[in-house]
């Protein structure tokens, strides 16, 4: 359906697009540990691993972050995790400061007040650990502190 209005040199279009897409049920993890406390998570799409590593090294050095772990989620797709306690405002600032971050991920998290990353596979692709960026700074959280999980559907191509 399309509506087109033309009035005094202005043209306004309104289009309603319907799509039918296959979805899969997935599980994700939220950045919030408890009210007011988050850990850091990054999402990189269509970004080669060397660029991801350099982006994360830059932000790690800039904010004196502890170790960052990197997982490959798909071809040129990566997630990264850092177990440092942060307020949401601080986490959002660090993620926004990271070069090459997925801007849709940043916008969605900023709008919700927490970040979410999928950790189950889609289309049979398993996540693959690809390395970590060591640091002299000690983490103040670990995997066992992560406690906010969510199930949702994801459209698959």
N, C-alpha and C. Protein backbone atom coordinates (compact mmCIF):
# COMPACT_ATOMS: atom_id res chain seq x y z
N UNK A 1 0.85 -1.16 0.00
CA UNK A 1 0.00 0.00 0.00
C UNK A 1 0.90 1.23 0.00
N UNK A 2 0.53 2.23 -0.77
CA UNK A 2 1.30 3.46 -0.83
C UNK A 2 0.35 4.65 -0.87
N UNK A 3 0.66 5.66 -0.09
CA UNK A 3 -0.10 6.90 -0.09
C UNK A 3 0.86 8.00 -0.51
N UNK A 4 0.44 8.80 -1.48
CA UNK A 4 1.30 9.88 -1.96
C UNK A 4 0.50 11.17 -1.92
N UNK A 5 1.03 12.19 -1.25
CA UNK A 5 0.39 13.50 -1.18
C UNK A 5 1.35 14.54 -1.77
N UNK A 6 0.82 15.38 -2.64
CA UNK A 6 1.63 16.45 -3.22
C UNK A 6 0.90 17.76 -2.93
N UNK A 7 1.59 18.69 -2.29
CA UNK A 7 0.97 19.96 -1.92
C UNK A 7 2.02 21.06 -1.94
N UNK A 8 1.84 22.05 -2.76
CA UNK A 8 2.68 23.25 -2.81
C UNK A 8 4.18 22.93 -2.81
N UNK A 9 4.61 22.10 -3.71
CA UNK A 9 6.03 21.82 -3.85
C UNK A 9 6.58 20.76 -2.90
N UNK A 10 5.73 20.16 -2.08
CA UNK A 10 6.17 19.12 -1.15
C UNK A 10 5.53 17.80 -1.54
N UNK A 11 6.28 16.75 -1.39
CA UNK A 11 5.77 15.41 -1.68
C UNK A 11 5.96 14.55 -0.43
N UNK A 12 4.92 13.89 -0.02
CA UNK A 12 4.95 13.03 1.15
C UNK A 12 4.57 11.62 0.72
N UNK A 13 5.39 10.67 1.07
CA UNK A 13 5.12 9.26 0.78
C UNK A 13 4.94 8.52 2.08
N UNK A 14 4.01 7.60 2.07
CA UNK A 14 3.85 6.66 3.17
C UNK A 14 3.70 5.29 2.55
N UNK A 15 4.58 4.39 2.94
CA UNK A 15 4.52 3.03 2.40
C UNK A 15 4.41 2.04 3.55
N UNK A 16 3.57 1.10 3.38
CA UNK A 16 3.43 0.01 4.32
C UNK A 16 4.01 -1.23 3.65
N UNK A 17 5.07 -1.75 4.23
CA UNK A 17 5.75 -2.90 3.65
C UNK A 17 5.53 -4.10 4.57
N UNK A 18 5.07 -5.16 4.00
CA UNK A 18 4.89 -6.40 4.75
C UNK A 18 5.93 -7.40 4.29
N UNK A 19 6.55 -8.05 5.25
CA UNK A 19 7.53 -9.08 4.92
C UNK A 19 7.24 -10.32 5.75
N UNK A 20 7.48 -11.43 5.16
CA UNK A 20 7.38 -12.70 5.85
C UNK A 20 8.79 -13.24 5.96
N UNK A 21 9.27 -13.42 7.19
CA UNK A 21 10.63 -13.91 7.38
C UNK A 21 10.63 -15.05 8.38
N UNK A 22 11.52 -15.99 8.17
CA UNK A 22 11.70 -17.09 9.09
C UNK A 22 12.39 -16.57 10.35
N UNK A 23 11.95 -17.03 11.50
CA UNK A 23 12.58 -16.64 12.76
C UNK A 23 13.03 -17.88 13.51
N UNK A 24 14.00 -17.70 14.36
CA UNK A 24 14.46 -18.75 15.27
C UNK A 24 14.40 -18.21 16.68
N UNK A 25 14.11 -19.09 17.61
CA UNK A 25 14.11 -18.72 19.02
C UNK A 25 15.56 -18.80 19.51
N UNK A 26 16.01 -17.73 20.15
CA UNK A 26 17.38 -17.67 20.64
C UNK A 26 17.38 -17.19 22.08
N UNK A 27 18.52 -17.39 22.74
CA UNK A 27 18.71 -16.91 24.10
C UNK A 27 19.81 -15.88 24.09
N UNK A 28 19.59 -14.82 24.82
CA UNK A 28 20.58 -13.75 24.92
C UNK A 28 20.90 -13.47 26.37
N UNK A 29 21.93 -12.68 26.55
CA UNK A 29 22.35 -12.25 27.88
C UNK A 29 22.28 -10.73 27.92
N UNK A 30 21.78 -10.20 29.02
CA UNK A 30 21.71 -8.76 29.21
C UNK A 30 22.90 -8.27 30.02
N UNK A 31 23.28 -7.04 29.79
CA UNK A 31 24.45 -6.46 30.47
C UNK A 31 24.20 -6.18 31.93
N UNK A 32 22.94 -6.05 32.34
CA UNK A 32 22.66 -5.69 33.72
C UNK A 32 22.89 -6.87 34.65
N UNK A 33 23.71 -6.64 35.68
CA UNK A 33 23.99 -7.65 36.70
C UNK A 33 22.99 -7.50 37.85
N UNK A 34 22.79 -6.27 38.26
CA UNK A 34 21.82 -5.88 39.28
C UNK A 34 21.47 -4.43 38.99
N UNK A 35 20.43 -3.90 39.61
CA UNK A 35 20.10 -2.49 39.30
C UNK A 35 21.32 -1.58 39.49
N UNK A 36 21.63 -0.84 38.45
CA UNK A 36 22.75 0.10 38.51
C UNK A 36 24.11 -0.49 38.19
N UNK A 37 24.19 -1.80 37.96
CA UNK A 37 25.47 -2.44 37.66
C UNK A 37 25.38 -3.23 36.36
N UNK A 38 26.31 -2.97 35.47
CA UNK A 38 26.37 -3.63 34.17
C UNK A 38 27.79 -4.14 33.95
N UNK A 39 27.93 -5.09 33.01
CA UNK A 39 29.26 -5.43 32.51
C UNK A 39 29.30 -5.05 31.04
N UNK A 40 30.49 -5.04 30.47
CA UNK A 40 30.67 -4.50 29.11
C UNK A 40 30.54 -5.60 28.06
N UNK A 41 29.78 -5.30 27.01
CA UNK A 41 29.58 -6.22 25.89
C UNK A 41 29.61 -5.41 24.60
N UNK A 42 30.23 -5.97 23.56
CA UNK A 42 30.31 -5.31 22.26
C UNK A 42 29.80 -6.24 21.17
N UNK A 43 29.25 -5.65 20.12
CA UNK A 43 28.81 -6.39 18.95
C UNK A 43 29.43 -5.74 17.71
N UNK A 44 30.09 -6.55 16.91
CA UNK A 44 30.69 -6.09 15.66
C UNK A 44 30.11 -6.92 14.52
N UNK A 45 29.55 -6.27 13.52
CA UNK A 45 29.02 -6.95 12.34
C UNK A 45 29.78 -6.46 11.11
N UNK A 46 30.03 -7.37 10.20
CA UNK A 46 30.72 -7.04 8.94
C UNK A 46 32.05 -6.33 9.20
N UNK A 47 32.79 -6.84 10.17
CA UNK A 47 34.07 -6.26 10.56
C UNK A 47 35.11 -7.37 10.67
N UNK A 48 36.21 -7.30 9.93
CA UNK A 48 37.24 -8.35 10.02
C UNK A 48 37.87 -8.39 11.41
N UNK A 49 38.31 -9.57 11.81
CA UNK A 49 38.89 -9.77 13.15
C UNK A 49 40.02 -8.80 13.47
N UNK A 50 40.98 -8.54 12.58
CA UNK A 50 42.06 -7.59 12.95
C UNK A 50 41.52 -6.20 13.30
N UNK A 51 40.45 -5.77 12.64
CA UNK A 51 39.86 -4.47 12.94
C UNK A 51 39.16 -4.51 14.30
N UNK A 52 38.48 -5.61 14.60
CA UNK A 52 37.83 -5.79 15.91
C UNK A 52 38.88 -5.74 17.01
N UNK A 53 39.97 -6.46 16.84
CA UNK A 53 41.03 -6.50 17.85
C UNK A 53 41.61 -5.11 18.08
N UNK A 54 41.90 -4.39 17.02
CA UNK A 54 42.46 -3.03 17.18
C UNK A 54 41.46 -2.09 17.84
N UNK A 55 40.19 -2.20 17.50
CA UNK A 55 39.15 -1.37 18.12
C UNK A 55 39.07 -1.64 19.62
N UNK A 56 39.10 -2.92 19.99
CA UNK A 56 39.02 -3.28 21.39
C UNK A 56 40.29 -2.92 22.16
N UNK A 57 41.45 -3.08 21.54
CA UNK A 57 42.70 -2.66 22.20
C UNK A 57 42.68 -1.16 22.49
N UNK A 58 42.16 -0.39 21.52
CA UNK A 58 42.08 1.06 21.68
C UNK A 58 41.21 1.43 22.88
N UNK A 59 40.03 0.83 22.98
CA UNK A 59 39.12 1.16 24.07
C UNK A 59 39.63 0.58 25.39
N UNK A 60 40.28 -0.58 25.36
CA UNK A 60 40.84 -1.18 26.56
C UNK A 60 41.91 -0.26 27.16
N UNK A 61 42.77 0.26 26.31
CA UNK A 61 43.82 1.16 26.77
C UNK A 61 43.24 2.50 27.23
N UNK A 62 42.26 3.01 26.49
CA UNK A 62 41.66 4.32 26.80
C UNK A 62 40.96 4.33 28.16
N UNK A 63 40.34 3.20 28.53
CA UNK A 63 39.57 3.15 29.77
C UNK A 63 40.17 2.23 30.82
N UNK A 64 41.41 1.76 30.60
CA UNK A 64 42.10 0.90 31.56
C UNK A 64 41.23 -0.30 31.96
N UNK A 65 40.79 -1.05 30.93
CA UNK A 65 39.87 -2.16 31.14
C UNK A 65 40.60 -3.47 31.42
N UNK A 66 39.95 -4.38 32.15
CA UNK A 66 40.50 -5.73 32.32
C UNK A 66 40.42 -6.53 31.02
N UNK A 67 40.76 -7.79 31.11
CA UNK A 67 40.76 -8.69 29.95
C UNK A 67 39.45 -8.61 29.17
N UNK A 68 39.56 -8.66 27.85
CA UNK A 68 38.39 -8.69 26.97
C UNK A 68 38.42 -9.99 26.18
N UNK A 69 37.32 -10.74 26.21
CA UNK A 69 37.21 -12.01 25.50
C UNK A 69 36.42 -11.80 24.21
N UNK A 70 36.87 -12.43 23.12
CA UNK A 70 36.27 -12.24 21.80
C UNK A 70 35.76 -13.59 21.27
N UNK A 71 34.51 -13.57 20.77
CA UNK A 71 33.90 -14.75 20.17
C UNK A 71 33.50 -14.43 18.74
N UNK A 72 33.71 -15.38 17.85
CA UNK A 72 33.24 -15.26 16.47
C UNK A 72 31.83 -15.80 16.40
N UNK A 73 30.90 -15.00 15.86
CA UNK A 73 29.50 -15.41 15.78
C UNK A 73 29.09 -15.81 14.38
N UNK A 74 29.79 -15.29 13.38
CA UNK A 74 29.55 -15.58 11.97
C UNK A 74 30.73 -15.01 11.19
N UNK A 75 30.71 -15.15 9.90
CA UNK A 75 31.77 -14.56 9.07
C UNK A 75 31.80 -13.05 9.30
N UNK A 76 32.91 -12.53 9.76
CA UNK A 76 33.09 -11.10 10.07
C UNK A 76 32.07 -10.57 11.07
N UNK A 77 31.64 -11.42 12.00
CA UNK A 77 30.76 -11.03 13.09
C UNK A 77 31.35 -11.49 14.41
N UNK A 78 31.43 -10.59 15.37
CA UNK A 78 32.10 -10.89 16.64
C UNK A 78 31.36 -10.26 17.82
N UNK A 79 31.40 -10.94 18.96
CA UNK A 79 30.96 -10.40 20.23
C UNK A 79 32.18 -10.33 21.13
N UNK A 80 32.18 -9.39 22.04
CA UNK A 80 33.27 -9.29 23.01
C UNK A 80 32.67 -8.98 24.39
N UNK A 81 33.33 -9.48 25.43
CA UNK A 81 32.86 -9.33 26.80
C UNK A 81 34.01 -8.90 27.69
N UNK A 82 33.71 -8.02 28.64
CA UNK A 82 34.69 -7.57 29.63
C UNK A 82 33.98 -7.52 30.97
N UNK A 83 34.51 -8.22 31.95
CA UNK A 83 33.85 -8.34 33.25
C UNK A 83 34.31 -7.25 34.22
N UNK A 84 33.90 -6.04 33.87
CA UNK A 84 34.17 -4.87 34.72
C UNK A 84 32.83 -4.27 35.14
N UNK A 85 32.68 -4.00 36.43
CA UNK A 85 31.46 -3.34 36.91
C UNK A 85 31.42 -1.92 36.36
N UNK A 86 30.26 -1.55 35.83
CA UNK A 86 30.06 -0.21 35.29
C UNK A 86 28.62 0.20 35.52
N UNK A 87 28.40 1.50 35.64
CA UNK A 87 27.02 2.00 35.59
C UNK A 87 26.58 1.90 34.13
N UNK A 88 25.29 2.02 33.89
CA UNK A 88 24.84 1.97 32.51
C UNK A 88 25.41 3.15 31.71
N UNK A 89 25.43 4.33 32.31
CA UNK A 89 25.95 5.51 31.61
C UNK A 89 27.41 5.31 31.22
N UNK A 90 28.20 4.73 32.12
CA UNK A 90 29.61 4.47 31.82
C UNK A 90 29.74 3.40 30.74
N UNK A 91 28.98 2.32 30.86
CA UNK A 91 29.03 1.25 29.86
C UNK A 91 28.65 1.79 28.48
N UNK A 92 27.58 2.56 28.43
CA UNK A 92 27.13 3.15 27.16
C UNK A 92 28.23 4.05 26.57
N UNK A 93 28.88 4.83 27.39
CA UNK A 93 29.94 5.70 26.92
C UNK A 93 31.13 4.93 26.37
N UNK A 94 31.53 3.88 27.06
CA UNK A 94 32.66 3.06 26.62
C UNK A 94 32.32 2.37 25.30
N UNK A 95 31.13 1.80 25.21
CA UNK A 95 30.73 1.12 23.97
C UNK A 95 30.63 2.12 22.83
N UNK A 96 30.06 3.28 23.08
CA UNK A 96 29.93 4.30 22.03
C UNK A 96 31.29 4.81 21.58
N UNK A 97 32.28 4.81 22.46
CA UNK A 97 33.62 5.28 22.15
C UNK A 97 34.41 4.26 21.32
N UNK A 98 33.92 3.02 21.26
CA UNK A 98 34.62 1.94 20.57
C UNK A 98 34.48 2.09 19.06
N UNK A 99 35.58 2.21 18.33
CA UNK A 99 35.50 2.28 16.86
C UNK A 99 34.88 1.01 16.29
N UNK A 100 34.13 1.16 15.22
CA UNK A 100 33.58 0.05 14.43
C UNK A 100 32.48 -0.75 15.12
N UNK A 101 31.97 -0.27 16.25
CA UNK A 101 30.89 -1.00 16.93
C UNK A 101 29.65 -0.98 16.04
N UNK A 102 28.82 -2.00 16.14
CA UNK A 102 27.56 -2.04 15.40
C UNK A 102 26.65 -0.94 15.95
N UNK A 103 26.34 0.04 15.14
CA UNK A 103 25.55 1.20 15.58
C UNK A 103 24.11 0.84 15.93
N UNK A 104 23.56 -0.20 15.31
CA UNK A 104 22.20 -0.65 15.65
C UNK A 104 22.19 -1.24 17.06
N UNK A 105 23.22 -1.99 17.38
CA UNK A 105 23.37 -2.56 18.73
C UNK A 105 23.47 -1.43 19.76
N UNK A 106 24.30 -0.44 19.47
CA UNK A 106 24.47 0.69 20.38
C UNK A 106 23.15 1.43 20.58
N UNK A 107 22.44 1.72 19.50
CA UNK A 107 21.18 2.46 19.59
C UNK A 107 20.12 1.67 20.36
N UNK A 108 20.02 0.39 20.09
CA UNK A 108 19.01 -0.44 20.78
C UNK A 108 19.30 -0.49 22.28
N UNK A 109 20.55 -0.71 22.64
CA UNK A 109 20.92 -0.77 24.06
C UNK A 109 20.73 0.57 24.75
N UNK A 110 21.12 1.64 24.09
CA UNK A 110 20.96 2.97 24.67
C UNK A 110 19.49 3.28 24.91
N UNK A 111 18.64 2.85 24.00
CA UNK A 111 17.21 3.09 24.14
C UNK A 111 16.57 2.27 25.25
N UNK A 112 17.03 1.04 25.45
CA UNK A 112 16.44 0.15 26.47
C UNK A 112 17.00 0.39 27.87
N UNK A 113 18.25 0.84 27.94
CA UNK A 113 18.89 0.99 29.25
C UNK A 113 19.71 -0.22 29.66
N UNK A 114 19.95 -1.13 28.74
CA UNK A 114 20.83 -2.29 28.93
C UNK A 114 21.14 -2.85 27.55
N UNK A 115 22.23 -3.60 27.46
CA UNK A 115 22.64 -4.20 26.20
C UNK A 115 22.33 -5.69 26.23
N UNK A 116 22.02 -6.25 25.06
CA UNK A 116 21.72 -7.68 24.96
C UNK A 116 22.51 -8.26 23.80
N UNK A 117 23.14 -9.39 24.04
CA UNK A 117 23.81 -10.15 22.99
C UNK A 117 23.31 -11.58 23.00
N UNK A 118 23.05 -12.09 21.83
CA UNK A 118 22.64 -13.49 21.65
C UNK A 118 23.83 -14.38 22.00
N UNK A 119 23.55 -15.51 22.66
CA UNK A 119 24.64 -16.47 22.87
C UNK A 119 24.31 -17.87 22.38
N UNK A 120 23.11 -18.06 21.84
CA UNK A 120 22.83 -19.35 21.20
C UNK A 120 23.07 -19.21 19.71
N UNK A 121 23.31 -20.33 19.07
CA UNK A 121 23.62 -20.31 17.64
C UNK A 121 22.36 -20.08 16.81
N UNK A 122 22.57 -19.59 15.62
CA UNK A 122 21.51 -19.38 14.63
C UNK A 122 21.97 -20.07 13.35
N UNK A 123 21.04 -20.74 12.70
CA UNK A 123 21.34 -21.43 11.43
C UNK A 123 22.50 -22.41 11.57
N UNK A 124 22.62 -23.03 12.74
CA UNK A 124 23.65 -24.03 12.94
C UNK A 124 25.05 -23.50 13.16
N UNK A 125 25.22 -22.18 13.21
CA UNK A 125 26.55 -21.60 13.43
C UNK A 125 26.83 -21.56 14.93
N UNK A 126 27.87 -22.21 15.34
CA UNK A 126 28.30 -22.20 16.74
C UNK A 126 29.24 -21.02 16.97
N UNK A 127 29.16 -20.42 18.14
CA UNK A 127 30.12 -19.39 18.50
C UNK A 127 31.48 -20.05 18.70
N UNK A 128 32.50 -19.32 18.34
CA UNK A 128 33.87 -19.85 18.41
C UNK A 128 34.76 -18.84 19.12
N UNK A 129 35.36 -19.21 20.27
CA UNK A 129 36.30 -18.30 20.92
C UNK A 129 37.50 -18.06 20.00
N UNK A 130 37.86 -16.79 19.80
CA UNK A 130 38.99 -16.49 18.91
C UNK A 130 40.15 -15.83 19.66
N UNK A 131 39.97 -15.53 20.92
CA UNK A 131 41.08 -14.97 21.68
C UNK A 131 40.63 -14.02 22.75
N UNK A 132 41.62 -13.49 23.44
CA UNK A 132 41.35 -12.51 24.48
C UNK A 132 42.46 -11.47 24.46
N UNK A 133 42.12 -10.32 24.99
CA UNK A 133 43.10 -9.24 25.11
C UNK A 133 43.47 -9.14 26.58
N UNK A 134 44.66 -9.64 26.95
CA UNK A 134 45.04 -9.64 28.37
C UNK A 134 45.22 -8.22 28.89
N UNK A 135 45.17 -8.11 30.20
CA UNK A 135 45.32 -6.82 30.85
C UNK A 135 45.91 -7.03 32.23
N UNK A 136 46.62 -6.03 32.70
CA UNK A 136 47.14 -6.05 34.07
C UNK A 136 46.04 -5.67 35.07
N UNK A 137 44.93 -5.14 34.56
CA UNK A 137 43.80 -4.74 35.41
C UNK A 137 42.98 -5.97 35.74
N UNK A 138 42.66 -6.14 37.01
CA UNK A 138 41.90 -7.31 37.45
C UNK A 138 40.40 -7.08 37.22
N UNK A 139 39.72 -8.12 36.74
CA UNK A 139 38.25 -8.06 36.57
C UNK A 139 37.60 -8.05 37.95
N UNK A 140 36.50 -7.31 38.06
CA UNK A 140 35.78 -7.31 39.34
C UNK A 140 34.46 -8.09 39.25
N UNK A 141 34.24 -8.78 38.13
CA UNK A 141 33.12 -9.68 37.93
C UNK A 141 33.64 -10.92 37.22
N UNK A 142 32.83 -11.99 37.20
CA UNK A 142 33.17 -13.14 36.36
C UNK A 142 31.89 -13.74 35.79
N UNK A 143 32.04 -14.82 35.04
CA UNK A 143 30.89 -15.43 34.37
C UNK A 143 29.75 -15.73 35.33
N UNK A 144 30.08 -16.16 36.54
CA UNK A 144 29.03 -16.55 37.49
C UNK A 144 28.19 -15.37 37.97
N UNK A 145 28.67 -14.15 37.79
CA UNK A 145 27.90 -12.96 38.18
C UNK A 145 26.81 -12.62 37.17
N UNK A 146 26.94 -13.12 35.95
CA UNK A 146 25.97 -12.82 34.89
C UNK A 146 24.70 -13.60 35.19
N UNK A 147 23.58 -12.86 35.32
CA UNK A 147 22.36 -13.51 35.78
C UNK A 147 21.09 -13.06 35.09
N UNK A 148 21.20 -12.30 34.03
CA UNK A 148 20.01 -11.77 33.36
C UNK A 148 19.96 -12.29 31.92
N UNK A 149 19.12 -13.29 31.70
CA UNK A 149 19.01 -13.91 30.39
C UNK A 149 17.62 -13.66 29.82
N UNK A 150 17.52 -13.69 28.52
CA UNK A 150 16.26 -13.42 27.85
C UNK A 150 16.11 -14.32 26.64
N UNK A 151 14.89 -14.75 26.36
CA UNK A 151 14.61 -15.51 25.14
C UNK A 151 13.81 -14.62 24.22
N UNK A 152 14.15 -14.67 22.94
CA UNK A 152 13.45 -13.84 21.95
C UNK A 152 13.58 -14.49 20.59
N UNK A 153 12.89 -13.94 19.59
CA UNK A 153 13.00 -14.47 18.24
C UNK A 153 13.89 -13.56 17.42
N UNK A 154 14.62 -14.16 16.52
CA UNK A 154 15.52 -13.42 15.63
C UNK A 154 15.19 -13.84 14.20
N UNK A 155 15.01 -12.84 13.35
CA UNK A 155 14.78 -13.13 11.93
C UNK A 155 16.07 -13.65 11.32
N UNK A 156 15.96 -14.69 10.52
CA UNK A 156 17.12 -15.26 9.85
C UNK A 156 16.94 -15.13 8.35
N UNK A 157 18.06 -14.95 7.67
CA UNK A 157 18.01 -14.78 6.21
C UNK A 157 18.13 -16.10 5.51
